[in-house]
Amino acid sequence: MAGLDEDRRDFDWDWCSDVLFEDHDVLMLFDASLDGVEDSGSEINQALGPANLAH
C-alpha cells in the first residue's frame, strides 16, 4: 500500500461501491424495507431505478 500513488477517488465511497460491487442492485432483494423492489411497476422500483431484478 505504501508504494501506491494517491488518487482523488481514494475516499469517494460511491465510486468504490460502483467499482467493487458492479451488480449490487441484487442486494435490494434482501432488504425488508425495499419489499417489492423487484416489481418494475412498483413505486420503490421507479424511484431507485435498479436493473431488472425479476429474473
C-alpha atoms as a PDB file:
ATOM      1  CA  MET A   1       0.000   0.000   0.000  1.00  0.00           C
ATOM      2  CA  ALA A   2       2.827   2.392   0.811  1.00  0.00           C
ATOM      3  CA  GLY A   3       4.046   2.294  -2.791  1.00  0.00           C
ATOM      4  CA  LEU A   4       0.691   3.186  -4.320  1.00  0.00           C
ATOM      5  CA  ASP A   5       0.032   6.689  -5.587  1.00  0.00           C
ATOM      6  CA  GLU A   6      -2.813   8.652  -4.062  1.00  0.00           C
ATOM      7  CA  ASP A   7      -5.836   9.220  -6.240  1.00  0.00           C
ATOM      8  CA  ARG A   8      -8.623  11.775  -5.863  1.00  0.00           C
ATOM      9  CA  ARG A   9     -11.122   8.881  -5.772  1.00  0.00           C
ATOM     10  CA  ASP A  10      -9.450   7.073  -2.860  1.00  0.00           C
ATOM     11  CA  PHE A  11     -12.173   8.263  -0.492  1.00  0.00           C
ATOM     12  CA  ASP A  12     -15.035   8.537  -2.987  1.00  0.00           C
ATOM     13  CA  TRP A  13     -17.152   5.774  -1.440  1.00  0.00           C
ATOM     14  CA  ASP A  14     -19.851   5.951  -4.132  1.00  0.00           C
ATOM     15  CA  TRP A  15     -17.203   5.321  -6.788  1.00  0.00           C
ATOM     16  CA  CYS A  16     -15.722   2.468  -4.732  1.00  0.00           C
ATOM     17  CA  SER A  17     -19.154   0.901  -4.379  1.00  0.00           C
ATOM     18  CA  ASP A  18     -19.765   1.109  -8.121  1.00  0.00           C
ATOM     19  CA  VAL A  19     -16.379  -0.382  -8.990  1.00  0.00           C
ATOM     20  CA  LEU A  20     -16.248  -3.088  -6.336  1.00  0.00           C
ATOM     21  CA  PHE A  21     -19.910  -4.090  -6.421  1.00  0.00           C
ATOM     22  CA  GLU A  22     -20.913  -3.543 -10.026  1.00  0.00           C
ATOM     23  CA  ASP A  23     -24.140  -5.525  -9.672  1.00  0.00           C
ATOM     24  CA  HIS A  24     -25.107  -4.585  -6.142  1.00  0.00           C
ATOM     25  CA  ASP A  25     -28.723  -3.873  -7.113  1.00  0.00           C
ATOM     26  CA  VAL A  26     -29.450  -7.511  -6.281  1.00  0.00           C
ATOM     27  CA  LEU A  27     -28.757  -6.750  -2.600  1.00  0.00           C
ATOM     28  CA  MET A  28     -32.005  -4.767  -2.580  1.00  0.00           C
ATOM     29  CA  LEU A  29     -33.857  -8.082  -2.762  1.00  0.00           C
ATOM     30  CA  PHE A  30     -32.641  -8.924   0.744  1.00  0.00           C
ATOM     31  CA  ASP A  31     -33.622  -5.596   2.313  1.00  0.00           C
ATOM     32  CA  ALA A  32     -37.025  -5.956   4.000  1.00  0.00           C
ATOM     33  CA  SER A  33     -37.609  -2.187   3.781  1.00  0.00           C
ATOM     34  CA  LEU A  34     -37.498  -2.476  -0.030  1.00  0.00           C
ATOM     35  CA  ASP A  35     -40.072  -5.255  -0.287  1.00  0.00           C
ATOM     36  CA  GLY A  36     -41.475  -5.319  -3.825  1.00  0.00           C
ATOM     37  CA  VAL A  37     -38.465  -3.634  -5.455  1.00  0.00           C
ATOM     38  CA  GLU A  38     -38.283  -6.490  -7.989  1.00  0.00           C
ATOM     39  CA  ASP A  39     -41.638  -5.389  -9.469  1.00  0.00           C
ATOM     40  CA  SER A  40     -40.766  -2.903 -12.227  1.00  0.00           C
ATOM     41  CA  GLY A  41     -44.148  -1.227 -11.755  1.00  0.00           C
ATOM     42  CA  SER A  42     -43.707  -0.584  -8.034  1.00  0.00           C
ATOM     43  CA  GLU A  43     -43.155   2.908  -6.704  1.00  0.00           C
ATOM     44  CA  ILE A  44     -39.901   1.922  -4.988  1.00  0.00           C
ATOM     45  CA  ASN A  45     -38.527   0.394  -8.207  1.00  0.00           C
ATOM     46  CA  GLN A  46     -39.412   3.522 -10.145  1.00  0.00           C
ATOM     47  CA  ALA A  47     -37.687   5.725  -7.553  1.00  0.00           C
ATOM     48  CA  LEU A  48     -34.480   3.658  -7.302  1.00  0.00           C
ATOM     49  CA  GLY A  49     -34.246   2.501 -10.921  1.00  0.00           C
ATOM     50  CA  PRO A  50     -32.475  -0.825 -10.327  1.00  0.00           C
ATOM     51  CA  ALA A  51     -31.652  -3.318 -13.046  1.00  0.00           C
ATOM     52  CA  ASN A  52     -34.243  -5.971 -13.904  1.00  0.00           C
ATOM     53  CA  LEU A  53     -34.449  -7.885 -10.625  1.00  0.00           C
ATOM     54  CA  ALA A  54     -37.358 -10.139 -11.583  1.00  0.00           C
ATOM     55  CA  HIS A  55     -35.188 -12.812 -13.238  1.00  0.00           C
END
